[in-house]
């Protein structure tokens, strides 16, 4: 019945069916509906079979198939689905959407995920409409089989077919890509959703994208996605935040986790879950923000979760194992202990609590918790096998300073006894911890006993572990148990005979038994039995018959040639079988195996094999050379043997082994059977007439003409790089001698190729006059030259500046046609020589004509020869759409290195215009822009990169690889910084969905450009805006250098200090408040010290009397901050909660020549106060700079610095015309949710 269900119904093609009456069709559909409702799938298939055969019935259509498929799906008969679909394709019917639903439901019930993916790919290619449920099932299947590429392909096909897609579709596809561990594919799907289909996400696709990035460990990318979500004002659900916070905490990114948690709260989430609060608590603990961690814990207690899960709280407590806030860990455990029974508390939670109490000195509570844990193990099935809790107790006892030492010793011994009874293997850390307890209590005798016991136990443990691993290894036990009677004598002749019979029988079996043969061979090898000749022959017979080539290769490793009775015959039989089967590579491996063991295997049918290899243009030179040498091992050769050696030489020529071709020629020419050749060789040496016939009892052997030609070509083409110091004249002498012999032996059968050989020899010797004369003689005689002769003639005429002859050769090539009347293709070496000659002669029209009309002369070659002729401009002009990427790449590379990168940029733009910007490889753009920047062509580099920013050329930056996005952004950052385009620079940081994470170094570089701007005030305003973006967009941790650059901008805008004592906080004070709130004081102080030290070194170098600087360009130590700015920022930080060190003040005082007297005096006072231990003290006679000294009523006038001093230090720099606008812009800047708005100046 199964066969009946799956068979193909016989179709009657070409027979006209009667018109399909509606009544008959309705009856058939009604009958199929009944079968579908009752699940009678066999009857449904039989009905389809009857309809297909009966010409009186209506033709099969998609509706009938749909009902039959529904009946099969109802009963779960998934095995018949592929046959039904195939039948529909044969009948040229497209499955309906309902048909796909039924099939997918059936596959889904059986969890045949791979079949669902395959079915979906085929359906998308056919344009079948998919229901929403079917689509989600398909994406689930793609995720289950981790096939992200199929998900992307299906979405592209659906988009191209015009199927209406929504963000829900893309969210499901992105989820599938994430399940397939392909975050890059998930990003590609998101970009396709926005760029190709123009859909705007409402948060669902973003959630799946972030989840995919988190699962695959791309946390920086996930944070950038969150930043994009915030910029777009989207609301995401709490689980995606919790998932990311959990991953950040797990990977030690605690500060980023806290920022993300705060963003979630600012986004409107009012009721975070207990798990989210727990992970946030761990994040704050890791970021050393204990107050916020306690706030999260208090919120968890306030929630008082109904039906709490022990696992959740146990994980929460274990995260506090290495936290500094030990009191919090104790508090959490006390709460867990209150809401759960001891048996529900995880052993890791007990371990954390015991360790915390030990750190706090609460040794007795630690012991009580340990006893409670041990007691709970008695009432439950769990055993106290966890060694960590014992180590925690031992550490707590070793820390104790309050309890009686004897009591600690007693508890330690009791815990050791419990551990020895429950822990199967005691490792060295346990001994070390217990030794610490005994050492802390003064139990030296017990300590010595413990050490002796440990040394004895470790040896026994190692043996026990080894035995345990062996006993638990089922494979090892099975391997020992299978073969009984292993006590038989190894190498017994009876065993060898037995295995020989077994393998021979398996070889003769009708079905493939090579797997069993391999098993028996391994068995023989394990027992040490030798593999004999007959076993090798039987094994190779079976392997060749059933094409098990892997076993033939393994046989080489199993075989011991010394154990073979006749190794050469045995291995020769194997090689012969492989070569006859056409397995040249495997035959070559066996030949090399024989040669390594000093064997010379005889091979059957050598001449036939060599002839076959020569005709098939084979390159198996190792096989051919071995067979040829074996052929010449006979004492007497016949003509067939010589012809076979010629075939072997042909194979060597195919493989570019010209040295072997020459060796074969020398071996044949020197063989004793070639008396004719040997006598002629003697006559040549005696300068006698070599044409005189010689008497001989045997027919002379003749070396084939092809072998002469191959030998001459080998000598002409052989690489001279191997013997650069040797004289190569012998090659030409030998080539001339062989050519003379060829003319003597085959004088009556000479053709154009023979004369072409002579031309090649003359060309190699550099005799261009003779080459030209010989070629003109060949043309007069009507002989057809080969490509070598044509190439030599073109080179000779070109060097003689006979361009008319070069053009004549071009005309000859154009007139050479095939049997079909088409122009014959030109050899590549001839084409290159012809085009190069025309390029050197500046015959551009002839060059273009050759490319257009001569097959084989391509535009690639034309561009290449123009470039070789140093005609780069013409090369770019000739470049068109036919030039391949293999030519474009070196051309672009050479143009970039030639010192004219603008020409390279023109070539790149031309390539993009011809093929589209999406066909330009990103590395090529990077190469051109780097060359442009090196030459100072920044405008051209900016225009090239902005093509990707605008997205008007069919490609946007977000669609490019991550490394290209990073290179583009950093290059534009450099260009905008050099030009002072601060708005464009800031726009770079607003790019969304970048494939690489922005780092604080990017902001540092941008702010440095702002600080070095010619217009200092405009640069300062831009720097403040960049800092605002850093602190309000994304999750990048600011560095101390960014804070210093920001304070420098405040100083230049006169926003560092408040205008008066009653004014609102200045921008500088707001910046310092942000530093203190997030705990970045140490980073700022270290960076300040680093900048002061760097500036001091720079000033000391400048003060040295150096007449001439040797290397002016490598002055990379120059700081963007002047000594005055560093001093004022240091004093500002000192008086607002970040005191400087005495060393920093001393280094700043060393710069007193570059500082105003007022600042120098204040620094001296600060240093003296720090040295005397007075801390931060206000300078007498100056207004207070901190809240603690604001009670000063008298207002003293700060003395103004002399103009000369100001001119020296740079304080009196001329104000820019845009000063008022800059101050106003800085005043109006907003700091978002992190910093306060800047106050407006009161004039």
Foldseek 3Di string as FASTA:
>chain_A
DVCLQQDAADADPPDDADDADPVLVVVLLVVLQVLLVVLVLSVLSVSLSVQRPDSHHDHDAQSSLLSSLSSCLVVLVLVNVVSSVVNCVVVVYQHAQSSLVSNLSSCVVVVVLVVLLVVLLVNLVVVHDYDPVSLLSNLVSLLVVLPLVSLLVSVVSCVVSPPDDAVVSLLSSLLSNLSSLHLVSLLVSVCCVCPVVNYDDQASSLLSSLSSCLSNPVLLLSLQSVLVCVVVLHQYDQVSLLSSLQSCLVVLVLLLNLVSVVVNVVSPDDDHDLLSLLSNLLSCQSLVNNVSSVVSVVVSVVVVDDPDQQVSLLVSLLSCLPGPPLVVSLVSVVVSVVPDPLLRHDPSSLLSNLLSCLVVQVLVVSLVSVVSNCVSCVVDVDHPQDCSSLLSNLSSLLSHDPDQLVVSLVSNVVSVVSNPVRHPADDVSNLVSSLSSCVSSVVVVVSVVSVVVVVVRVVVRVVVVVVVVCVPPPVNVCVVPPDPPLVPDQQDPVVQVVLLVVLLVQLPDPDQPLVVLVVVLVVNLVSVYAQELSSLVSNLSSCLVVVVVVVVVVVLVSHDLVPYPDSQASLQVSLQSCLVSVVLVSSLVSVVSQVVVVHLHDHPPLLVSLVVCLVVLAQSLSVLLSSLVVLLVDLADDQSNLVSLLSSLSSPVSNVNLVSLLVSVVSVLPRPNQVLSVVLVVCVVVVHPSLDDDDDPDDHHDRDLSSLLSNLVSLLPPDCPVPVPDDSVVSLVVSVVSLVVSCSVCVVPDAQASLLSVLLSCLSVVVLVVLCVSVVVCVVVVTDHDLSSLLSNLVSCLVVVVVVVLVVVLVVQLPPADPVRARDAHDQSNLLSSLLSCLLVVVVVVNVVCQVRHHNNHLLSNLVSNVVSVNLVVSLVSDAPRHDPVSLVVSLVCCLVVLNLVSSLSSLVRNCVHPNPVPDALVSLLSSLVSCVVNPVLVSNVVSLCCQCVCPRVHHLLSHDQVSNVSSLVSVLVSCLVVVVLVVNLVSVVDHNHPDRDALVSLLSNLLSLLPDPQVLVSLLSLLVSVLCVVPRGSYDHFLSSLLSNLLSCVVLVQQADPDLPDPHGPNLLSVVLCVVSVRLVRNLVVLLVLLVLQLVVVVVVPDDDPDDPDPVPPPSDDSDALASSLVVQVLCQQEPRNHALVSLVSSLVVVLLYFPVSNVVSVVSNVCRVVVVGDDDDPQAAHNHPVRNVDDDHHDDDDGDPVSCVRNVVPPDHDPCSVVSSVSSQQDCNPPRTHHHHDDDD
